[in-house]
N, C-alpha and C. Protein backbone atom coordinates (compact mmCIF):
# COMPACT_ATOMS: atom_id res chain seq x y z
N MET A 1 -18.13 9.79 40.17
CA MET A 1 -17.81 8.30 40.52
C MET A 1 -16.30 8.28 40.73
N ALA A 2 -15.80 7.94 41.74
CA ALA A 2 -14.26 8.22 42.19
C ALA A 2 -13.52 7.20 41.26
N ARG A 3 -12.18 7.22 41.12
CA ARG A 3 -11.24 6.19 40.83
C ARG A 3 -10.57 5.58 41.72
N ASN A 4 -10.37 4.38 41.42
CA ASN A 4 -9.43 3.59 42.45
C ASN A 4 -7.98 3.64 41.76
N SER A 5 -7.18 4.16 42.89
CA SER A 5 -5.69 4.41 42.22
C SER A 5 -4.97 3.36 42.90
N GLY A 6 -5.49 2.40 43.31
CA GLY A 6 -4.40 1.47 43.70
C GLY A 6 -3.49 0.98 42.97
N SER A 7 -2.65 -0.06 43.60
CA SER A 7 -1.29 -0.22 42.20
C SER A 7 -1.57 -1.15 41.97
N THR A 8 -2.18 -2.42 42.48
CA THR A 8 -2.77 -3.57 42.38
C THR A 8 -3.67 -3.58 40.51
N LYS A 9 -4.49 -2.30 40.67
CA LYS A 9 -4.93 -2.06 39.22
C LYS A 9 -4.34 -2.00 37.65
N LYS A 10 -4.43 -2.52 37.10
CA LYS A 10 -3.63 -2.70 35.66
C LYS A 10 -4.55 -1.27 34.90
N THR A 11 -3.88 -0.31 34.31
CA THR A 11 -4.73 0.26 33.71
C THR A 11 -4.59 -0.18 32.08
N ARG A 12 -5.70 0.64 31.21
CA ARG A 12 -6.20 -0.14 30.13
C ARG A 12 -5.15 -0.25 29.39
N ARG A 13 -3.84 0.94 29.02
CA ARG A 13 -3.12 0.69 28.08
C ARG A 13 -1.99 -0.13 28.75
N GLN A 14 -1.78 -0.13 29.83
CA GLN A 14 -0.89 -1.82 30.36
C GLN A 14 -1.45 -2.79 29.88
N VAL A 15 -2.76 -3.20 29.99
CA VAL A 15 -3.31 -4.25 29.45
C VAL A 15 -3.49 -4.72 28.06
N LEU A 16 -3.74 -3.78 27.19
CA LEU A 16 -3.65 -3.74 25.77
C LEU A 16 -1.93 -4.01 25.43
N ALA A 17 -0.94 -3.33 26.11
CA ALA A 17 0.30 -3.24 25.63
C ALA A 17 1.22 -4.88 26.19
N THR A 18 0.58 -5.39 26.82
CA THR A 18 0.93 -6.53 27.49
C THR A 18 0.43 -7.58 26.19
N GLY A 19 -0.77 -7.30 26.28
CA GLY A 19 -1.45 -8.61 25.44
C GLY A 19 -1.43 -8.47 24.41
N LEU A 20 -1.04 -7.22 23.45
CA LEU A 20 -0.54 -7.38 22.07
C LEU A 20 0.92 -7.35 21.61
N ALA A 21 1.33 -7.67 22.88
CA ALA A 21 2.96 -7.85 22.69
C ALA A 21 2.81 -9.45 23.03
N GLY A 22 2.21 -9.94 23.67
CA GLY A 22 2.35 -11.13 24.05
C GLY A 22 2.10 -12.01 22.39
N VAL A 23 0.53 -11.40 21.85
CA VAL A 23 0.42 -11.84 20.54
C VAL A 23 1.18 -12.05 19.48
N ALA A 24 1.66 -10.82 19.49
CA ALA A 24 2.73 -10.77 18.37
C ALA A 24 3.87 -11.51 18.66
N ALA A 25 4.40 -11.77 19.82
CA ALA A 25 5.75 -12.70 20.42
C ALA A 25 5.11 -14.40 19.47
N ALA A 26 3.80 -14.62 20.23
CA ALA A 26 3.49 -16.11 19.71
C ALA A 26 3.37 -15.91 18.39
N ALA A 27 2.87 -15.14 17.67
CA ALA A 27 2.82 -15.14 16.03
C ALA A 27 3.56 -15.50 15.31
N VAL A 28 5.07 -14.51 15.38
CA VAL A 28 5.92 -14.93 14.73
C VAL A 28 7.21 -14.91 15.16
N PRO A 29 7.76 -15.78 15.64
CA PRO A 29 8.87 -16.51 16.35
C PRO A 29 10.14 -15.61 15.34
N VAL A 30 11.07 -14.92 16.25
CA VAL A 30 12.19 -14.40 15.73
C VAL A 30 13.46 -14.92 15.55
N SER A 31 14.07 -15.12 14.80
CA SER A 31 15.60 -16.34 15.18
C SER A 31 16.67 -15.68 14.28
N GLY A 32 17.72 -16.03 14.79
CA GLY A 32 19.11 -15.54 14.08
C GLY A 32 19.74 -14.37 14.16
N ALA A 33 19.94 -13.54 13.48
CA ALA A 33 20.74 -12.14 13.81
C ALA A 33 19.36 -11.01 14.76
N ALA A 34 18.29 -11.36 14.14
CA ALA A 34 17.29 -10.25 14.13
C ALA A 34 17.08 -10.84 16.18
N ALA A 35 17.26 -11.60 16.54
CA ALA A 35 16.64 -12.02 17.93
C ALA A 35 17.96 -11.54 18.81
N SER A 36 17.40 -10.83 19.79
CA SER A 36 18.13 -10.19 21.25
C SER A 36 19.17 -11.10 21.10
N GLN A 37 20.15 -10.65 21.69
CA GLN A 37 21.24 -11.81 22.69
C GLN A 37 21.10 -11.43 23.78
N ASP A 38 20.74 -10.42 24.33
CA ASP A 38 20.49 -10.43 25.73
C ASP A 38 19.04 -10.65 26.09
N ALA A 39 18.15 -11.10 26.01
CA ALA A 39 16.53 -11.20 25.99
C ALA A 39 16.80 -12.83 26.70
N PRO A 40 16.21 -13.19 27.95
CA PRO A 40 16.59 -14.32 28.61
C PRO A 40 15.70 -15.01 27.66
N ALA A 41 16.26 -16.51 28.05
CA ALA A 41 15.65 -17.52 27.21
C ALA A 41 14.29 -17.90 27.72
N GLY A 42 13.23 -17.66 26.20
CA GLY A 42 11.67 -17.79 26.70
C GLY A 42 11.24 -16.35 26.33
N ALA A 43 11.67 -15.49 26.76
CA ALA A 43 11.08 -13.93 26.70
C ALA A 43 10.78 -13.66 25.35
N ALA A 44 9.75 -13.04 25.32
CA ALA A 44 8.86 -12.46 24.05
C ALA A 44 9.91 -11.86 22.96
N LYS A 45 9.94 -11.95 21.95
CA LYS A 45 11.01 -11.59 21.11
C LYS A 45 10.01 -10.51 20.20
N ALA A 46 10.50 -9.35 19.68
CA ALA A 46 9.32 -8.45 18.71
C ALA A 46 9.34 -9.01 17.11
N TRP A 47 8.10 -8.89 16.85
CA TRP A 47 8.31 -9.38 15.04
C TRP A 47 8.80 -8.02 14.42
N LEU A 48 9.74 -8.71 13.34
CA LEU A 48 10.09 -7.64 12.41
C LEU A 48 9.52 -8.24 11.45
N PRO A 49 9.01 -6.62 10.37
CA PRO A 49 8.06 -7.04 9.05
C PRO A 49 9.33 -7.67 8.13
N ARG A 50 9.44 -8.03 7.32
CA ARG A 50 10.40 -8.66 5.95
C ARG A 50 9.78 -7.66 4.73
N LYS A 51 10.73 -7.16 4.26
CA LYS A 51 10.46 -6.47 2.96
C LYS A 51 11.06 -7.27 1.61
N GLN A 52 10.55 -6.97 0.72
CA GLN A 52 10.70 -7.84 -0.72
C GLN A 52 10.57 -7.17 -1.64
N VAL A 53 11.32 -6.81 -2.57
CA VAL A 53 10.46 -5.57 -3.64
C VAL A 53 10.08 -6.86 -4.47
N VAL A 54 8.59 -6.66 -4.85
CA VAL A 54 8.61 -6.79 -6.39
C VAL A 54 8.48 -6.10 -7.11
N HIS A 55 9.12 -6.62 -8.67
CA HIS A 55 9.43 -5.55 -9.77
C HIS A 55 8.44 -5.86 -10.85
N ARG A 56 8.06 -4.86 -11.88
CA ARG A 56 7.18 -5.01 -12.81
C ARG A 56 7.75 -5.76 -13.84
N PRO A 57 6.63 -6.55 -14.39
CA PRO A 57 7.14 -7.66 -15.42
C PRO A 57 8.11 -6.65 -16.52
N GLY A 58 9.59 -7.20 -16.79
CA GLY A 58 10.37 -6.43 -17.53
C GLY A 58 11.31 -5.58 -17.01
N GLN A 59 10.66 -5.42 -15.98
CA GLN A 59 11.54 -4.27 -14.99
C GLN A 59 12.95 -4.84 -14.37
N LYS A 60 13.85 -4.47 -14.83
CA LYS A 60 15.47 -4.72 -14.30
C LYS A 60 15.79 -4.18 -12.77
N PRO A 61 16.15 -5.03 -11.79
CA PRO A 61 16.39 -4.39 -10.41
C PRO A 61 17.45 -3.48 -10.46
N SER A 62 17.58 -2.17 -9.60
CA SER A 62 18.43 -1.35 -9.73
C SER A 62 19.43 -1.25 -8.59
N PRO A 63 20.64 -1.46 -8.25
CA PRO A 63 21.00 -1.29 -7.06
C PRO A 63 21.15 0.13 -6.49
N ASN A 64 20.64 0.95 -6.98
CA ASN A 64 20.61 2.42 -6.01
C ASN A 64 19.29 2.72 -6.53
N ALA A 65 18.20 2.18 -6.63
CA ALA A 65 17.08 2.66 -6.94
C ALA A 65 16.58 3.63 -5.76
N LEU A 66 15.88 4.75 -6.00
CA LEU A 66 15.46 5.59 -5.06
C LEU A 66 13.91 5.22 -4.80
N LEU A 67 13.36 4.58 -5.40
CA LEU A 67 11.93 3.83 -4.97
C LEU A 67 12.04 2.67 -5.50
N SER A 68 10.64 1.95 -5.05
CA SER A 68 10.30 0.50 -5.40
C SER A 68 8.82 0.81 -5.94
N SER A 69 8.81 0.11 -6.83
CA SER A 69 7.25 -0.13 -7.25
C SER A 69 6.29 -0.50 -6.51
N CYS A 70 6.99 -2.02 -5.70
CA CYS A 70 5.81 -2.67 -5.01
C CYS A 70 6.69 -3.39 -3.92
N ILE A 71 6.01 -3.28 -2.92
CA ILE A 71 6.78 -4.16 -1.79
C ILE A 71 6.17 -4.94 -1.10
N ARG A 72 6.55 -6.33 -0.97
CA ARG A 72 5.72 -7.21 -0.31
C ARG A 72 6.30 -7.25 1.04
N SER A 73 5.42 -7.10 2.01
CA SER A 73 5.82 -8.01 3.68
C SER A 73 4.66 -8.83 4.34
N GLY A 74 5.27 -9.72 4.31
CA GLY A 74 4.16 -11.01 4.73
C GLY A 74 2.90 -11.24 3.67
N HIS A 75 1.53 -10.96 4.20
CA HIS A 75 0.75 -11.23 3.07
C HIS A 75 0.57 -10.17 2.41
N LEU A 76 0.96 -8.72 2.67
CA LEU A 76 0.57 -7.82 2.26
C LEU A 76 1.61 -6.96 0.99
N LEU A 77 0.60 -6.57 -0.05
CA LEU A 77 1.39 -5.77 -1.09
C LEU A 77 1.39 -4.03 -0.90
N PHE A 78 2.25 -3.53 -1.33
CA PHE A 78 2.26 -1.82 -1.14
C PHE A 78 2.54 -1.27 -2.60
N VAL A 79 1.57 -1.22 -3.40
CA VAL A 79 2.19 -0.76 -4.55
C VAL A 79 2.30 1.32 -4.67
N ALA A 80 3.32 1.57 -5.23
CA ALA A 80 3.77 3.01 -5.48
C ALA A 80 3.15 3.33 -6.14
N GLY A 81 3.02 4.96 -6.36
CA GLY A 81 1.99 5.35 -7.14
C GLY A 81 2.48 5.20 -8.42
N ILE A 82 1.25 5.23 -9.33
CA ILE A 82 1.58 4.77 -10.87
C ILE A 82 0.93 6.32 -11.24
N GLY A 83 1.50 6.57 -12.59
CA GLY A 83 0.91 7.62 -12.94
C GLY A 83 0.18 7.40 -14.23
N GLY A 84 -0.57 8.20 -14.40
CA GLY A 84 -1.65 8.03 -15.75
C GLY A 84 -1.29 7.88 -17.37
N TRP A 85 0.27 8.62 -16.97
CA TRP A 85 0.37 8.97 -18.52
C TRP A 85 2.16 8.77 -18.28
N TYR A 86 2.64 7.77 -19.51
CA TYR A 86 4.10 7.71 -19.70
C TYR A 86 4.29 7.66 -20.95
N PRO A 87 4.68 9.04 -21.35
CA PRO A 87 5.33 8.79 -22.83
C PRO A 87 5.71 7.66 -23.83
N ASP A 88 6.62 6.87 -23.06
CA ASP A 88 7.31 5.68 -23.68
C ASP A 88 6.05 4.72 -23.89
N ARG A 89 5.11 5.02 -23.30
CA ARG A 89 3.76 3.67 -23.55
C ARG A 89 2.79 4.31 -24.35
N ARG A 90 2.77 5.64 -24.22
CA ARG A 90 1.53 6.31 -25.37
C ARG A 90 1.99 7.54 -25.59
N LYS A 91 1.39 7.48 -26.97
CA LYS A 91 2.43 9.11 -27.34
C LYS A 91 1.66 10.44 -26.63
N GLU A 92 -0.01 10.13 -26.61
CA GLU A 92 -0.54 11.52 -26.49
C GLU A 92 -1.15 11.22 -24.73
N PRO A 93 -1.19 12.20 -23.87
CA PRO A 93 -1.49 11.64 -22.56
C PRO A 93 -3.23 11.24 -22.23
N GLY A 94 -3.78 11.61 -23.42
CA GLY A 94 -5.11 11.34 -23.27
C GLY A 94 -6.05 12.56 -21.83
N ASP A 95 -7.61 12.15 -21.92
CA ASP A 95 -7.92 12.46 -20.46
C ASP A 95 -8.06 11.96 -19.27
N ILE A 96 -8.52 12.20 -18.38
CA ILE A 96 -8.52 11.68 -16.86
C ILE A 96 -8.97 9.81 -17.04
N LYS A 97 -9.77 10.03 -17.91
CA LYS A 97 -10.75 8.41 -18.26
C LYS A 97 -9.42 7.38 -18.86
N VAL A 98 -9.07 8.09 -19.92
CA VAL A 98 -8.00 7.14 -20.49
C VAL A 98 -6.84 6.55 -19.57
N GLN A 99 -6.20 8.18 -18.69
CA GLN A 99 -5.22 7.50 -17.99
C GLN A 99 -5.40 6.82 -16.43
N ILE A 100 -6.78 6.88 -15.81
CA ILE A 100 -7.03 6.16 -14.83
C ILE A 100 -7.17 4.68 -15.18
N GLN A 101 -7.24 4.37 -16.77
CA GLN A 101 -7.75 2.99 -17.34
C GLN A 101 -6.24 2.39 -17.21
N SER A 102 -5.20 3.53 -17.78
CA SER A 102 -3.73 2.82 -18.34
C SER A 102 -3.43 2.38 -16.75
N ALA A 103 -3.75 3.61 -15.70
CA ALA A 103 -2.83 3.20 -14.62
C ALA A 103 -3.48 1.98 -13.86
N LEU A 104 -4.40 1.88 -13.79
CA LEU A 104 -4.98 0.21 -13.20
C LEU A 104 -4.52 -0.56 -14.15
N THR A 105 -4.32 -0.42 -15.12
CA THR A 105 -4.03 -1.64 -15.97
C THR A 105 -2.58 -2.27 -15.51
N THR A 106 -1.77 -1.06 -15.25
CA THR A 106 -0.41 -1.03 -14.83
C THR A 106 -0.28 -1.75 -13.64
N MET A 107 -1.54 -1.41 -12.57
CA MET A 107 -1.49 -1.81 -11.21
C MET A 107 -1.95 -3.36 -11.59
N GLN A 108 -2.84 -3.64 -12.35
CA GLN A 108 -3.35 -4.94 -12.62
C GLN A 108 -1.97 -5.92 -12.76
N GLU A 109 -0.93 -5.23 -13.43
CA GLU A 109 -0.02 -6.15 -13.97
C GLU A 109 1.04 -6.07 -12.85
N ILE A 110 1.33 -5.35 -11.98
CA ILE A 110 2.07 -5.66 -11.12
C ILE A 110 1.56 -6.30 -10.13
N LEU A 111 0.02 -5.95 -9.91
CA LEU A 111 -0.37 -6.96 -8.83
C LEU A 111 -0.13 -8.86 -9.28
N GLU A 112 -0.43 -9.10 -10.26
CA GLU A 112 -0.55 -10.60 -11.34
C GLU A 112 0.99 -11.31 -11.10
N ASN A 113 1.86 -10.03 -11.09
CA ASN A 113 3.33 -10.40 -10.98
C ASN A 113 3.76 -10.73 -9.62
N ALA A 114 2.98 -10.26 -8.90
CA ALA A 114 3.38 -10.14 -7.07
C ALA A 114 2.62 -11.36 -6.90
N GLY A 115 1.34 -12.12 -7.54
CA GLY A 115 0.78 -13.34 -6.93
C GLY A 115 -0.14 -12.91 -6.39
N SER A 116 -1.14 -11.68 -6.80
CA SER A 116 -2.24 -11.20 -6.55
C SER A 116 -3.20 -10.80 -7.66
N SER A 117 -4.33 -9.67 -6.92
CA SER A 117 -4.92 -9.61 -8.05
C SER A 117 -5.89 -8.64 -7.74
N MET A 118 -6.77 -7.97 -8.72
CA MET A 118 -7.45 -6.44 -8.46
C MET A 118 -8.91 -7.23 -7.20
N ALA A 119 -8.99 -8.25 -7.34
CA ALA A 119 -9.80 -8.35 -6.33
C ALA A 119 -9.40 -8.72 -4.79
N ASN A 120 -7.99 -8.44 -4.87
CA ASN A 120 -7.45 -8.25 -3.52
C ASN A 120 -7.06 -7.27 -2.92
N VAL A 121 -7.41 -5.99 -3.65
CA VAL A 121 -6.94 -5.14 -3.46
C VAL A 121 -7.78 -4.49 -2.21
N LEU A 122 -7.43 -3.76 -1.09
CA LEU A 122 -8.03 -3.31 0.30
C LEU A 122 -8.44 -1.91 0.03
N LYS A 123 -7.35 -0.88 -0.45
CA LYS A 123 -7.40 0.08 -0.35
C LYS A 123 -6.42 0.73 -1.54
N VAL A 124 -7.31 1.89 -1.97
CA VAL A 124 -6.36 2.50 -3.56
C VAL A 124 -6.72 4.16 -2.90
N HIS A 125 -5.85 4.84 -3.18
CA HIS A 125 -5.60 6.35 -3.32
C HIS A 125 -4.94 6.71 -4.23
N MET A 126 -5.22 7.58 -4.44
CA MET A 126 -5.48 8.80 -5.88
C MET A 126 -4.91 9.92 -5.63
N THR A 127 -4.44 10.88 -6.14
CA THR A 127 -4.11 12.13 -6.75
C THR A 127 -4.58 12.79 -7.67
N VAL A 128 -5.77 13.58 -7.80
CA VAL A 128 -6.48 13.72 -9.26
C VAL A 128 -5.83 14.88 -9.12
N ALA A 129 -5.92 15.36 -10.73
CA ALA A 129 -5.73 16.96 -10.81
C ALA A 129 -6.78 17.11 -10.93
N GLU A 130 -7.56 18.93 -10.75
CA GLU A 130 -8.64 19.30 -10.71
C GLU A 130 -9.61 18.54 -10.74
N PRO A 131 -9.98 18.06 -9.66
CA PRO A 131 -11.14 16.87 -8.91
C PRO A 131 -12.54 17.33 -9.42
N ASN A 132 -12.62 19.06 -9.18
CA ASN A 132 -13.78 19.24 -9.47
C ASN A 132 -14.08 19.31 -11.23
N LYS A 133 -13.32 19.30 -11.97
CA LYS A 133 -13.40 19.22 -13.14
C LYS A 133 -13.56 17.85 -13.59
N ASN A 134 -12.54 16.70 -13.13
CA ASN A 134 -12.33 15.35 -13.46
C ASN A 134 -12.72 14.23 -12.84
N LEU A 135 -13.59 14.36 -11.73
CA LEU A 135 -13.88 13.35 -10.95
C LEU A 135 -14.74 11.98 -11.45
N ALA A 136 -15.88 13.19 -12.19
CA ALA A 136 -16.77 12.38 -13.22
C ALA A 136 -16.07 11.20 -14.24
N LEU A 137 -15.66 11.93 -14.57
CA LEU A 137 -14.92 10.86 -16.02
C LEU A 137 -13.95 10.07 -15.36
N LEU A 138 -13.31 10.67 -14.61
CA LEU A 138 -12.43 9.89 -13.25
C LEU A 138 -13.08 8.33 -13.23
N ASN A 139 -14.34 8.67 -12.46
CA ASN A 139 -14.97 7.25 -11.93
C ASN A 139 -15.67 6.50 -13.09
N GLU A 140 -15.65 7.25 -14.30
CA GLU A 140 -16.23 6.04 -15.29
C GLU A 140 -14.87 5.26 -16.15
N GLY A 141 -13.91 5.66 -15.96
CA GLY A 141 -12.98 5.09 -16.31
C GLY A 141 -12.45 4.32 -15.02
N TYR A 142 -12.83 4.10 -14.04
CA TYR A 142 -12.64 3.05 -12.67
C TYR A 142 -13.43 2.31 -12.77
N ARG A 143 -14.60 2.34 -12.63
CA ARG A 143 -15.62 1.27 -12.56
C ARG A 143 -15.44 0.47 -13.97
N GLY A 144 -15.33 -0.89 -13.08
CA GLY A 144 -15.51 -2.36 -13.54
C GLY A 144 -14.11 -2.86 -13.47
N PHE A 145 -13.09 -2.11 -12.27
CA PHE A 145 -11.60 -2.82 -12.39
C PHE A 145 -11.71 -3.59 -11.53
N PHE A 146 -12.81 -3.31 -10.22
CA PHE A 146 -12.44 -4.13 -9.10
C PHE A 146 -14.10 -4.92 -9.03
N PRO A 147 -13.85 -6.28 -8.71
CA PRO A 147 -15.26 -6.91 -8.20
C PRO A 147 -15.47 -6.41 -6.78
N ASP A 148 -16.59 -6.71 -6.69
CA ASP A 148 -17.73 -6.62 -5.44
C ASP A 148 -17.13 -7.31 -4.48
N PRO A 149 -16.95 -6.87 -2.97
CA PRO A 149 -16.91 -5.40 -2.93
C PRO A 149 -15.65 -4.52 -3.40
N PRO A 150 -15.88 -3.30 -3.96
CA PRO A 150 -15.08 -2.64 -4.23
C PRO A 150 -13.95 -2.19 -3.12
N PRO A 151 -12.82 -1.83 -3.15
CA PRO A 151 -11.75 -1.64 -2.51
C PRO A 151 -12.07 -0.21 -1.70
N ALA A 152 -11.71 0.17 -0.50
CA ALA A 152 -11.84 1.52 0.22
C ALA A 152 -11.03 2.14 -0.48
N ARG A 153 -11.50 3.66 -0.73
CA ARG A 153 -10.74 4.67 -1.88
C ARG A 153 -11.08 6.10 -1.07
N SER A 154 -9.92 7.00 -1.28
CA SER A 154 -9.85 7.93 -0.96
C SER A 154 -8.86 8.88 -2.21
N TYR A 155 -8.99 9.93 -2.15
CA TYR A 155 -8.32 10.76 -3.64
C TYR A 155 -7.80 12.02 -2.75
N THR A 156 -6.80 12.65 -3.18
CA THR A 156 -6.12 14.15 -2.94
C THR A 156 -6.61 15.20 -4.45
N GLY A 157 -6.60 16.14 -3.92
CA GLY A 157 -6.91 16.85 -5.39
C GLY A 157 -5.51 17.91 -5.20
N CYS A 158 -5.07 18.40 -7.00
CA CYS A 158 -4.15 19.20 -7.03
C CYS A 158 -4.34 19.94 -7.86
N GLY A 159 -3.28 20.92 -8.15
CA GLY A 159 -3.71 21.80 -9.76
C GLY A 159 -2.78 20.45 -10.76
N VAL A 160 -2.97 20.85 -11.85
CA VAL A 160 -2.34 20.33 -13.17
C VAL A 160 -0.74 20.31 -12.88
N ASP A 161 -0.25 21.59 -12.60
CA ASP A 161 0.93 21.88 -12.05
C ASP A 161 1.74 21.14 -11.33
N GLN A 162 1.06 20.38 -10.12
CA GLN A 162 1.62 19.93 -8.95
C GLN A 162 1.61 18.14 -9.15
N MET A 163 1.62 17.72 -10.78
CA MET A 163 1.63 16.64 -10.60
C MET A 163 2.92 15.60 -10.88
N GLY A 164 3.62 16.55 -11.01
CA GLY A 164 5.23 16.14 -11.28
C GLY A 164 5.72 15.80 -12.28
N ARG A 165 4.79 15.73 -13.27
CA ARG A 165 5.28 15.86 -14.97
C ARG A 165 4.11 16.11 -16.05
N GLU A 166 4.41 17.06 -16.90
CA GLU A 166 3.55 17.80 -17.98
C GLU A 166 2.72 16.61 -18.35
N GLY A 167 1.14 17.24 -18.41
CA GLY A 167 0.63 16.13 -19.01
C GLY A 167 -0.39 15.11 -17.86
N VAL A 168 0.33 14.56 -16.67
CA VAL A 168 -0.27 13.45 -16.12
C VAL A 168 -1.45 14.41 -15.10
N LEU A 169 -2.58 13.95 -15.07
CA LEU A 169 -3.85 13.87 -14.52
C LEU A 169 -4.26 13.13 -12.90
N VAL A 170 -3.68 12.19 -13.10
CA VAL A 170 -3.71 11.43 -11.88
C VAL A 170 -2.80 10.27 -11.53
N GLN A 171 -2.71 9.54 -10.44
CA GLN A 171 -1.75 8.98 -9.84
C GLN A 171 -2.31 7.97 -9.08
N VAL A 172 -2.25 6.84 -8.71
CA VAL A 172 -2.84 6.04 -7.88
C VAL A 172 -2.05 5.08 -7.74
N ASP A 173 -2.50 4.46 -6.04
CA ASP A 173 -1.36 3.64 -5.55
C ASP A 173 -2.30 2.61 -4.80
N CYS A 174 -1.81 1.77 -4.09
CA CYS A 174 -2.56 0.53 -3.75
C CYS A 174 -2.34 -0.06 -2.30
N VAL A 175 -3.01 -0.93 -1.82
CA VAL A 175 -2.20 -2.06 -0.67
C VAL A 175 -3.47 -3.01 -1.26
N ALA A 176 -2.70 -4.20 -0.96
CA ALA A 176 -3.17 -5.41 -1.54
C ALA A 176 -2.85 -6.67 -0.77
N TYR A 177 -3.44 -7.98 -0.89
CA TYR A 177 -2.63 -8.91 -0.08
C TYR A 177 -3.00 -9.88 -1.12
N VAL A 178 -1.86 -10.84 -0.84
CA VAL A 178 -1.37 -12.01 -1.58
C VAL A 178 -2.02 -13.26 -1.23
N ASP A 179 -3.08 -13.86 -1.57
CA ASP A 179 -3.48 -15.26 -1.08
C ASP A 179 -2.44 -16.62 -0.21
């Protein structure tokens, strides 16, 4: 089948780029300092996501923080990795079932503080120490934290010496939305 190489036909990529740029510009107008001074009046302006840090309950803002535990952009929440064991919260690390329950309880607190809930979690990712040994017990602890339908879930496996801190067997993060 021969292709028409005429200049009047737009490629699929051009049509998609034009269509998506128009939708983005119509959905969220940009004003103030973020708007381009050089753009002609009525020209489509790029949408810029807005980031807002959501602190854990009781957490004080740090002016030079390296990490944010939760970022809100529009209606989306991005919750950073929560370890399964923190010595200041529990004396003993416990097994992976205890650790995933602890991490998910902390996740629930963060989400509720941000105006969301476990029902609004879209995606969960976990880093699991020795998954062949720990996955069945992890699933026991995970069960019951999310209503149906459960969020999409994935995991990465690693050795216990690669978890960043002695005693940690799981780290979990998620993407959720705010109603």
